Amino acid sequence: MTAKIVTANGNTAGIDMALAIVKKSIYQRLKRWQRLHTRVMLDMQYDPQPPVAGGSIEKTEPAVYKALQELYDYFSVADSVKAIPIQ
């Protein structure tokens, strides 16, 4: 990707484009890129023909699934705390 403008036509193409841009921009700096990438795909349940394995529980490494579940658990607790009325 050397162009300054990247376009996509359609939802899935837009997702592919966004994942490619993120991969290109942070891949060199982030050694754990693939786990981040597969977490995003699992969160979106994105599984047509993804650029790396993932997108469904069956195709995702257990460590990636566990990390995403921990993130959901964290936000679930945070939402519960926000719901407590302050007196």
PDB file of N, CA and C in Angstrom:
ATOM      1  N   MET A   1       0.842  -1.174   0.000  1.00  0.00           N
ATOM      2  CA  MET A   1       0.000   0.000   0.000  1.00  0.00           C
ATOM      3  C   MET A   1       0.887   1.236   0.000  1.00  0.00           C
ATOM      4  N   THR A   2       1.003   1.900  -1.103  1.00  0.00           N
ATOM      5  CA  THR A   2       1.774   3.131  -1.157  1.00  0.00           C
ATOM      6  C   THR A   2       0.882   4.325  -1.423  1.00  0.00           C
ATOM      7  N   ALA A   3      -0.366   4.074  -1.755  1.00  0.00           N
ATOM      8  CA  ALA A   3      -1.292   5.161  -2.056  1.00  0.00           C
ATOM      9  C   ALA A   3      -1.681   5.903  -0.793  1.00  0.00           C
ATOM     10  N   LYS A   4      -2.048   7.171  -0.955  1.00  0.00           N
ATOM     11  CA  LYS A   4      -2.515   7.973   0.168  1.00  0.00           C
ATOM     12  C   LYS A   4      -4.012   7.833   0.361  1.00  0.00           C
ATOM     13  N   ILE A   5      -4.705   7.336  -0.651  1.00  0.00           N
ATOM     14  CA  ILE A   5      -6.151   7.160  -0.573  1.00  0.00           C
ATOM     15  C   ILE A   5      -6.463   5.695  -0.854  1.00  0.00           C
ATOM     16  N   VAL A   6      -7.256   5.109   0.024  1.00  0.00           N
ATOM     17  CA  VAL A   6      -7.677   3.724  -0.150  1.00  0.00           C
ATOM     18  C   VAL A   6      -9.191   3.724  -0.127  1.00  0.00           C
ATOM     19  N   THR A   7      -9.810   3.029  -1.064  1.00  0.00           N
ATOM     20  CA  THR A   7     -11.269   2.966  -1.108  1.00  0.00           C
ATOM     21  C   THR A   7     -11.721   1.516  -1.141  1.00  0.00           C
ATOM     22  N   ALA A   8     -12.963   1.331  -0.744  1.00  0.00           N
ATOM     23  CA  ALA A   8     -13.571   0.002  -0.790  1.00  0.00           C
ATOM     24  C   ALA A   8     -15.040   0.179  -1.121  1.00  0.00           C
ATOM     25  N   ASN A   9     -15.630  -0.833  -1.723  1.00  0.00           N
ATOM     26  CA  ASN A   9     -17.028  -0.762  -2.113  1.00  0.00           C
ATOM     27  C   ASN A   9     -17.772  -1.923  -1.462  1.00  0.00           C
ATOM     28  N   GLY A  10     -18.592  -1.620  -0.464  1.00  0.00           N
ATOM     29  CA  GLY A  10     -19.363  -2.657   0.212  1.00  0.00           C
ATOM     30  C   GLY A  10     -18.879  -2.888   1.635  1.00  0.00           C
ATOM     31  N   ASN A  11     -19.730  -3.506   2.432  1.00  0.00           N
ATOM     32  CA  ASN A  11     -19.411  -3.716   3.845  1.00  0.00           C
ATOM     33  C   ASN A  11     -18.203  -4.617   4.049  1.00  0.00           C
ATOM     34  N   THR A  12     -18.206  -5.777   3.433  1.00  0.00           N
ATOM     35  CA  THR A  12     -17.104  -6.714   3.628  1.00  0.00           C
ATOM     36  C   THR A  12     -15.807  -6.146   3.070  1.00  0.00           C
ATOM     37  N   ALA A  13     -15.878  -5.494   1.937  1.00  0.00           N
ATOM     38  CA  ALA A  13     -14.683  -4.871   1.370  1.00  0.00           C
ATOM     39  C   ALA A  13     -14.167  -3.775   2.294  1.00  0.00           C
ATOM     40  N   GLY A  14     -15.071  -3.047   2.924  1.00  0.00           N
ATOM     41  CA  GLY A  14     -14.671  -2.016   3.881  1.00  0.00           C
ATOM     42  C   GLY A  14     -13.976  -2.609   5.091  1.00  0.00           C
ATOM     43  N   ILE A  15     -14.476  -3.745   5.565  1.00  0.00           N
ATOM     44  CA  ILE A  15     -13.832  -4.425   6.689  1.00  0.00           C
ATOM     45  C   ILE A  15     -12.446  -4.905   6.271  1.00  0.00           C
ATOM     46  N   ASP A  16     -12.347  -5.531   5.099  1.00  0.00           N
ATOM     47  CA  ASP A  16     -11.044  -5.977   4.588  1.00  0.00           C
ATOM     48  C   ASP A  16     -10.076  -4.804   4.490  1.00  0.00           C
ATOM     49  N   MET A  17     -10.567  -3.679   3.967  1.00  0.00           N
ATOM     50  CA  MET A  17      -9.730  -2.498   3.807  1.00  0.00           C
ATOM     51  C   MET A  17      -9.255  -1.995   5.166  1.00  0.00           C
ATOM     52  N   ALA A  18     -10.172  -1.891   6.122  1.00  0.00           N
ATOM     53  CA  ALA A  18      -9.805  -1.394   7.448  1.00  0.00           C
ATOM     54  C   ALA A  18      -8.780  -2.306   8.116  1.00  0.00           C
ATOM     55  N   LEU A  19      -8.986  -3.616   8.027  1.00  0.00           N
ATOM     56  CA  LEU A  19      -8.025  -4.556   8.613  1.00  0.00           C
ATOM     57  C   LEU A  19      -6.661  -4.441   7.930  1.00  0.00           C
ATOM     58  N   ALA A  20      -6.653  -4.259   6.623  1.00  0.00           N
ATOM     59  CA  ALA A  20      -5.388  -4.120   5.894  1.00  0.00           C
ATOM     60  C   ALA A  20      -4.662  -2.837   6.284  1.00  0.00           C
ATOM     61  N   ILE A  21      -5.408  -1.745   6.448  1.00  0.00           N
ATOM     62  CA  ILE A  21      -4.789  -0.473   6.838  1.00  0.00           C
ATOM     63  C   ILE A  21      -4.201  -0.578   8.240  1.00  0.00           C
ATOM     64  N   VAL A  22      -4.972  -1.142   9.162  1.00  0.00           N
ATOM     65  CA  VAL A  22      -4.478  -1.293  10.535  1.00  0.00           C
ATOM     66  C   VAL A  22      -3.253  -2.198  10.552  1.00  0.00           C
ATOM     67  N   LYS A  23      -3.326  -3.301   9.810  1.00  0.00           N
ATOM     68  CA  LYS A  23      -2.188  -4.223   9.760  1.00  0.00           C
ATOM     69  C   LYS A  23      -0.951  -3.517   9.219  1.00  0.00           C
ATOM     70  N   LYS A  24      -1.117  -2.772   8.147  1.00  0.00           N
ATOM     71  CA  LYS A  24       0.010  -2.075   7.530  1.00  0.00           C
ATOM     72  C   LYS A  24       0.581  -1.017   8.467  1.00  0.00           C
ATOM     73  N   SER A  25      -0.293  -0.318   9.195  1.00  0.00           N
ATOM     74  CA  SER A  25       0.173   0.797  10.012  1.00  0.00           C
ATOM     75  C   SER A  25       0.800   0.363  11.332  1.00  0.00           C
ATOM     76  N   ILE A  26       0.377  -0.764  11.903  1.00  0.00           N
ATOM     77  CA  ILE A  26       0.926  -1.139  13.211  1.00  0.00           C
ATOM     78  C   ILE A  26       1.701  -2.445  13.210  1.00  0.00           C
ATOM     79  N   TYR A  27       1.705  -3.158  12.121  1.00  0.00           N
ATOM     80  CA  TYR A  27       2.337  -4.482  12.094  1.00  0.00           C
ATOM     81  C   TYR A  27       3.799  -4.432  12.530  1.00  0.00           C
ATOM     82  N   GLN A  28       4.535  -3.457  12.059  1.00  0.00           N
ATOM     83  CA  GLN A  28       5.960  -3.373  12.380  1.00  0.00           C
ATOM     84  C   GLN A  28       6.192  -3.065  13.854  1.00  0.00           C
ATOM     85  N   ARG A  29       5.247  -2.353  14.474  1.00  0.00           N
ATOM     86  CA  ARG A  29       5.430  -1.941  15.866  1.00  0.00           C
ATOM     87  C   ARG A  29       4.809  -2.900  16.868  1.00  0.00           C
ATOM     88  N   LEU A  30       3.890  -3.734  16.424  1.00  0.00           N
ATOM     89  CA  LEU A  30       3.141  -4.570  17.350  1.00  0.00           C
ATOM     90  C   LEU A  30       3.411  -6.041  17.076  1.00  0.00           C
ATOM     91  N   LYS A  31       4.211  -6.654  17.921  1.00  0.00           N
ATOM     92  CA  LYS A  31       4.584  -8.052  17.700  1.00  0.00           C
ATOM     93  C   LYS A  31       3.408  -8.987  17.896  1.00  0.00           C
ATOM     94  N   ARG A  32       2.416  -8.570  18.659  1.00  0.00           N
ATOM     95  CA  ARG A  32       1.255  -9.418  18.902  1.00  0.00           C
ATOM     96  C   ARG A  32       0.146  -9.111  17.894  1.00  0.00           C
ATOM     97  N   TRP A  33       0.500  -8.634  16.711  1.00  0.00           N
ATOM     98  CA  TRP A  33      -0.505  -8.204  15.725  1.00  0.00           C
ATOM     99  C   TRP A  33      -1.554  -9.265  15.456  1.00  0.00           C
ATOM    100  N   GLN A  34      -1.144 -10.500  15.209  1.00  0.00           N
ATOM    101  CA  GLN A  34      -2.112 -11.512  14.793  1.00  0.00           C
ATOM    102  C   GLN A  34      -3.158 -11.747  15.867  1.00  0.00           C
ATOM    103  N   ARG A  35      -2.769 -11.744  17.130  1.00  0.00           N
ATOM    104  CA  ARG A  35      -3.767 -11.921  18.182  1.00  0.00           C
ATOM    105  C   ARG A  35      -4.736 -10.746  18.209  1.00  0.00           C
ATOM    106  N   LEU A  36      -4.225  -9.529  18.050  1.00  0.00           N
ATOM    107  CA  LEU A  36      -5.112  -8.364  18.002  1.00  0.00           C
ATOM    108  C   LEU A  36      -6.054  -8.479  16.812  1.00  0.00           C
ATOM    109  N   HIS A  37      -5.491  -8.821  15.681  1.00  0.00           N
ATOM    110  CA  HIS A  37      -6.251  -8.951  14.440  1.00  0.00           C
ATOM    111  C   HIS A  37      -7.358  -9.988  14.595  1.00  0.00           C
ATOM    112  N   THR A  38      -7.030 -11.143  15.180  1.00  0.00           N
ATOM    113  CA  THR A  38      -8.036 -12.191  15.324  1.00  0.00           C
ATOM    114  C   THR A  38      -9.064 -11.836  16.385  1.00  0.00           C
ATOM    115  N   ARG A  39      -8.687 -11.039  17.400  1.00  0.00           N
ATOM    116  CA  ARG A  39      -9.677 -10.565  18.378  1.00  0.00           C
ATOM    117  C   ARG A  39     -10.708  -9.672  17.703  1.00  0.00           C
ATOM    118  N   VAL A  40     -10.223  -8.776  16.845  1.00  0.00           N
ATOM    119  CA  VAL A  40     -11.143  -7.887  16.126  1.00  0.00           C
ATOM    120  C   VAL A  40     -12.083  -8.708  15.257  1.00  0.00           C
ATOM    121  N   MET A  41     -11.537  -9.677  14.524  1.00  0.00           N
ATOM    122  CA  MET A  41     -12.382 -10.487  13.645  1.00  0.00           C
ATOM    123  C   MET A  41     -13.377 -11.316  14.439  1.00  0.00           C
ATOM    124  N   LEU A  42     -12.970 -11.859  15.596  1.00  0.00           N
ATOM    125  CA  LEU A  42     -13.887 -12.636  16.424  1.00  0.00           C
ATOM    126  C   LEU A  42     -14.966 -11.733  16.998  1.00  0.00           C
ATOM    127  N   ASP A  43     -14.584 -10.535  17.444  1.00  0.00           N
ATOM    128  CA  ASP A  43     -15.554  -9.596  17.997  1.00  0.00           C
ATOM    129  C   ASP A  43     -16.620  -9.243  16.964  1.00  0.00           C
ATOM    130  N   MET A  44     -16.206  -9.106  15.709  1.00  0.00           N
ATOM    131  CA  MET A  44     -17.153  -8.765  14.642  1.00  0.00           C
ATOM    132  C   MET A  44     -17.816 -10.010  14.059  1.00  0.00           C
ATOM    133  N   GLN A  45     -17.379 -11.189  14.484  1.00  0.00           N
ATOM    134  CA  GLN A  45     -17.809 -12.457  13.898  1.00  0.00           C
ATOM    135  C   GLN A  45     -17.639 -12.405  12.380  1.00  0.00           C
ATOM    136  N   TYR A  46     -16.461 -11.951  11.991  1.00  0.00           N
ATOM    137  CA  TYR A  46     -16.114 -11.753  10.589  1.00  0.00           C
ATOM    138  C   TYR A  46     -15.407 -13.000  10.080  1.00  0.00           C
ATOM    139  N   ASP A  47     -16.044 -13.719   9.166  1.00  0.00           N
ATOM    140  CA  ASP A  47     -15.490 -14.999   8.750  1.00  0.00           C
ATOM    141  C   ASP A  47     -15.758 -15.359   7.290  1.00  0.00           C
ATOM    142  N   PRO A  48     -15.842 -14.408   6.345  1.00  0.00           N
ATOM    143  CA  PRO A  48     -16.077 -14.838   4.965  1.00  0.00           C
ATOM    144  C   PRO A  48     -14.825 -15.481   4.368  1.00  0.00           C
ATOM    145  N   GLN A  49     -13.773 -14.734   4.194  1.00  0.00           N
ATOM    146  CA  GLN A  49     -12.453 -15.219   3.798  1.00  0.00           C
ATOM    147  C   GLN A  49     -11.443 -14.252   4.404  1.00  0.00           C
ATOM    148  N   PRO A  50     -11.282 -14.301   5.721  1.00  0.00           N
ATOM    149  CA  PRO A  50     -10.429 -13.318   6.373  1.00  0.00           C
ATOM    150  C   PRO A  50      -8.958 -13.485   6.005  1.00  0.00           C
ATOM    151  N   PRO A  51      -8.174 -12.415   6.158  1.00  0.00           N
ATOM    152  CA  PRO A  51      -6.756 -12.464   5.798  1.00  0.00           C
ATOM    153  C   PRO A  51      -5.924 -13.369   6.698  1.00  0.00           C
ATOM    154  N   VAL A  52      -6.385 -13.644   7.917  1.00  0.00           N
ATOM    155  CA  VAL A  52      -5.735 -14.608   8.810  1.00  0.00           C
ATOM    156  C   VAL A  52      -6.825 -15.467   9.430  1.00  0.00           C
ATOM    157  N   ALA A  53      -6.450 -16.620   9.979  1.00  0.00           N
ATOM    158  CA  ALA A  53      -7.438 -17.508  10.594  1.00  0.00           C
ATOM    159  C   ALA A  53      -8.118 -16.809  11.765  1.00  0.00           C
ATOM    160  N   GLY A  54      -9.404 -17.012  11.899  1.00  0.00           N
ATOM    161  CA  GLY A  54     -10.169 -16.406  12.989  1.00  0.00           C
ATOM    162  C   GLY A  54     -11.548 -16.029  12.498  1.00  0.00           C
ATOM    163  N   GLY A  55     -12.263 -15.283  13.315  1.00  0.00           N
ATOM    164  CA  GLY A  55     -13.578 -14.813  12.900  1.00  0.00           C
ATOM    165  C   GLY A  55     -14.722 -15.632  13.465  1.00  0.00           C
ATOM    166  N   SER A  56     -14.422 -16.825  13.951  1.00  0.00           N
ATOM    167  CA  SER A  56     -15.418 -17.652  14.623  1.00  0.00           C
ATOM    168  C   SER A  56     -14.701 -18.383  15.753  1.00  0.00           C
ATOM    169  N   ILE A  57     -15.464 -18.834  16.736  1.00  0.00           N
ATOM    170  CA  ILE A  57     -14.849 -19.508  17.879  1.00  0.00           C
ATOM    171  C   ILE A  57     -14.074 -20.738  17.418  1.00  0.00           C
ATOM    172  N   GLU A  58     -14.618 -21.458  16.456  1.00  0.00           N
ATOM    173  CA  GLU A  58     -13.973 -22.681  15.982  1.00  0.00           C
ATOM    174  C   GLU A  58     -12.621 -22.419  15.322  1.00  0.00           C
ATOM    175  N   LYS A  59     -12.446 -21.264  14.706  1.00  0.00           N
ATOM    176  CA  LYS A  59     -11.210 -20.960  13.975  1.00  0.00           C
ATOM    177  C   LYS A  59     -10.258 -20.062  14.758  1.00  0.00           C
ATOM    178  N   THR A  60     -10.601 -19.751  16.000  1.00  0.00           N
ATOM    179  CA  THR A  60      -9.801 -18.833  16.802  1.00  0.00           C
ATOM    180  C   THR A  60      -9.021 -19.605  17.855  1.00  0.00           C
ATOM    181  N   GLU A  61      -7.779 -19.209  18.072  1.00  0.00           N
ATOM    182  CA  GLU A  61      -6.965 -19.837  19.109  1.00  0.00           C
ATOM    183  C   GLU A  61      -7.632 -19.646  20.467  1.00  0.00           C
ATOM    184  N   PRO A  62      -7.577 -20.648  21.338  1.00  0.00           N
ATOM    185  CA  PRO A  62      -8.186 -20.527  22.663  1.00  0.00           C
ATOM    186  C   PRO A  62      -7.689 -19.315  23.451  1.00  0.00           C
ATOM    187  N   ALA A  63      -6.406 -18.974  23.329  1.00  0.00           N
ATOM    188  CA  ALA A  63      -5.867 -17.814  24.055  1.00  0.00           C
ATOM    189  C   ALA A  63      -6.506 -16.510  23.587  1.00  0.00           C
ATOM    190  N   VAL A  64      -6.780 -16.416  22.297  1.00  0.00           N
ATOM    191  CA  VAL A  64      -7.427 -15.216  21.755  1.00  0.00           C
ATOM    192  C   VAL A  64      -8.861 -15.131  22.255  1.00  0.00           C
ATOM    193  N   TYR A  65      -9.571 -16.253  22.222  1.00  0.00           N
ATOM    194  CA  TYR A  65     -10.949 -16.284  22.713  1.00  0.00           C
ATOM    195  C   TYR A  65     -10.995 -15.893  24.184  1.00  0.00           C
ATOM    196  N   LYS A  66     -10.072 -16.445  24.985  1.00  0.00           N
ATOM    197  CA  LYS A  66     -10.036 -16.146  26.419  1.00  0.00           C
ATOM    198  C   LYS A  66      -9.782 -14.658  26.652  1.00  0.00           C
ATOM    199  N   ALA A  67      -8.851 -14.068  25.909  1.00  0.00           N
ATOM    200  CA  ALA A  67      -8.547 -12.645  26.068  1.00  0.00           C
ATOM    201  C   ALA A  67      -9.758 -11.781  25.734  1.00  0.00           C
ATOM    202  N   LEU A  68     -10.486 -12.145  24.683  1.00  0.00           N
ATOM    203  CA  LEU A  68     -11.673 -11.372  24.312  1.00  0.00           C
ATOM    204  C   LEU A  68     -12.768 -11.544  25.358  1.00  0.00           C
ATOM    205  N   GLN A  69     -12.924 -12.749  25.882  1.00  0.00           N
ATOM    206  CA  GLN A  69     -13.920 -12.987  26.927  1.00  0.00           C
ATOM    207  C   GLN A  69     -13.592 -12.182  28.178  1.00  0.00           C
ATOM    208  N   GLU A  70     -12.313 -12.103  28.529  1.00  0.00           N
ATOM    209  CA  GLU A  70     -11.902 -11.293  29.680  1.00  0.00           C
ATOM    210  C   GLU A  70     -12.216  -9.823  29.451  1.00  0.00           C
ATOM    211  N   LEU A  71     -12.041  -9.357  28.217  1.00  0.00           N
ATOM    212  CA  LEU A  71     -12.384  -7.972  27.893  1.00  0.00           C
ATOM    213  C   LEU A  71     -13.879  -7.739  28.060  1.00  0.00           C
ATOM    214  N   TYR A  72     -14.698  -8.653  27.553  1.00  0.00           N
ATOM    215  CA  TYR A  72     -16.154  -8.542  27.727  1.00  0.00           C
ATOM    216  C   TYR A  72     -16.532  -8.567  29.202  1.00  0.00           C
ATOM    217  N   ASP A  73     -15.899  -9.453  29.975  1.00  0.00           N
ATOM    218  CA  ASP A  73     -16.184  -9.529  31.408  1.00  0.00           C
ATOM    219  C   ASP A  73     -15.844  -8.214  32.093  1.00  0.00           C
ATOM    220  N   TYR A  74     -14.721  -7.609  31.714  1.00  0.00           N
ATOM    221  CA  TYR A  74     -14.314  -6.327  32.292  1.00  0.00           C
ATOM    222  C   TYR A  74     -15.370  -5.261  32.022  1.00  0.00           C
ATOM    223  N   PHE A  75     -15.816  -5.156  30.772  1.00  0.00           N
ATOM    224  CA  PHE A  75     -16.811  -4.137  30.442  1.00  0.00           C
ATOM    225  C   PHE A  75     -18.154  -4.438  31.086  1.00  0.00           C
ATOM    226  N   SER A  76     -18.477  -5.700  31.268  1.00  0.00           N
ATOM    227  CA  SER A  76     -19.719  -6.068  31.931  1.00  0.00           C
ATOM    228  C   SER A  76     -19.700  -5.598  33.382  1.00  0.00           C
ATOM    229  N   VAL A  77     -18.576  -5.800  34.064  1.00  0.00           N
ATOM    230  CA  VAL A  77     -18.442  -5.330  35.447  1.00  0.00           C
ATOM    231  C   VAL A  77     -18.467  -3.807  35.483  1.00  0.00           C
ATOM    232  N   ALA A  78     -17.792  -3.163  34.551  1.00  0.00           N
ATOM    233  CA  ALA A  78     -17.771  -1.700  34.513  1.00  0.00           C
ATOM    234  C   ALA A  78     -19.179  -1.149  34.319  1.00  0.00           C
ATOM    235  N   ASP A  79     -19.971  -1.764  33.455  1.00  0.00           N
ATOM    236  CA  ASP A  79     -21.350  -1.317  33.249  1.00  0.00           C
ATOM    237  C   ASP A  79     -22.177  -1.517  34.507  1.00  0.00           C
ATOM    238  N   SER A  80     -21.941  -2.620  35.219  1.00  0.00           N
ATOM    239  CA  SER A  80     -22.674  -2.877  36.460  1.00  0.00           C
ATOM    240  C   SER A  80     -22.347  -1.825  37.506  1.00  0.00           C
ATOM    241  N   VAL A  81     -21.085  -1.438  37.587  1.00  0.00           N
ATOM    242  CA  VAL A  81     -20.679  -0.418  38.557  1.00  0.00           C
ATOM    243  C   VAL A  81     -21.318   0.918  38.208  1.00  0.00           C
ATOM    244  N   LYS A  82     -21.384   1.255  36.925  1.00  0.00           N
ATOM    245  CA  LYS A  82     -22.009   2.516  36.506  1.00  0.00           C
ATOM    246  C   LYS A  82     -23.485   2.545  36.849  1.00  0.00           C
ATOM    247  N   ALA A  83     -24.110   1.381  36.912  1.00  0.00           N
ATOM    248  CA  ALA A  83     -25.551   1.320  37.163  1.00  0.00           C
ATOM    249  C   ALA A  83     -25.898   1.482  38.641  1.00  0.00           C
ATOM    250  N   ILE A  84     -24.903   1.455  39.528  1.00  0.00           N
ATOM    251  CA  ILE A  84     -25.167   1.603  40.963  1.00  0.00           C
ATOM    252  C   ILE A  84     -25.472   3.072  41.254  1.00  0.00           C
ATOM    253  N   PRO A  85     -26.641   3.356  41.845  1.00  0.00           N
ATOM    254  CA  PRO A  85     -26.982   4.754  42.134  1.00  0.00           C
ATOM    255  C   PRO A  85     -26.085   5.328  43.233  1.00  0.00           C
ATOM    256  N   ILE A  86     -25.675   6.560  43.045  1.00  0.00           N
ATOM    257  CA  ILE A  86     -24.853   7.254  44.040  1.00  0.00           C
ATOM    258  C   ILE A  86     -25.782   8.010  44.977  1.00  0.00           C
ATOM    259  N   GLN A  87     -25.577   7.810  46.284  1.00  0.00           N
ATOM    260  CA  GLN A  87     -26.456   8.476  47.257  1.00  0.00           C
ATOM    261  C   GLN A  87     -25.690   9.396  48.151  1.00  0.00           C
TER     262      GLN A  87
END
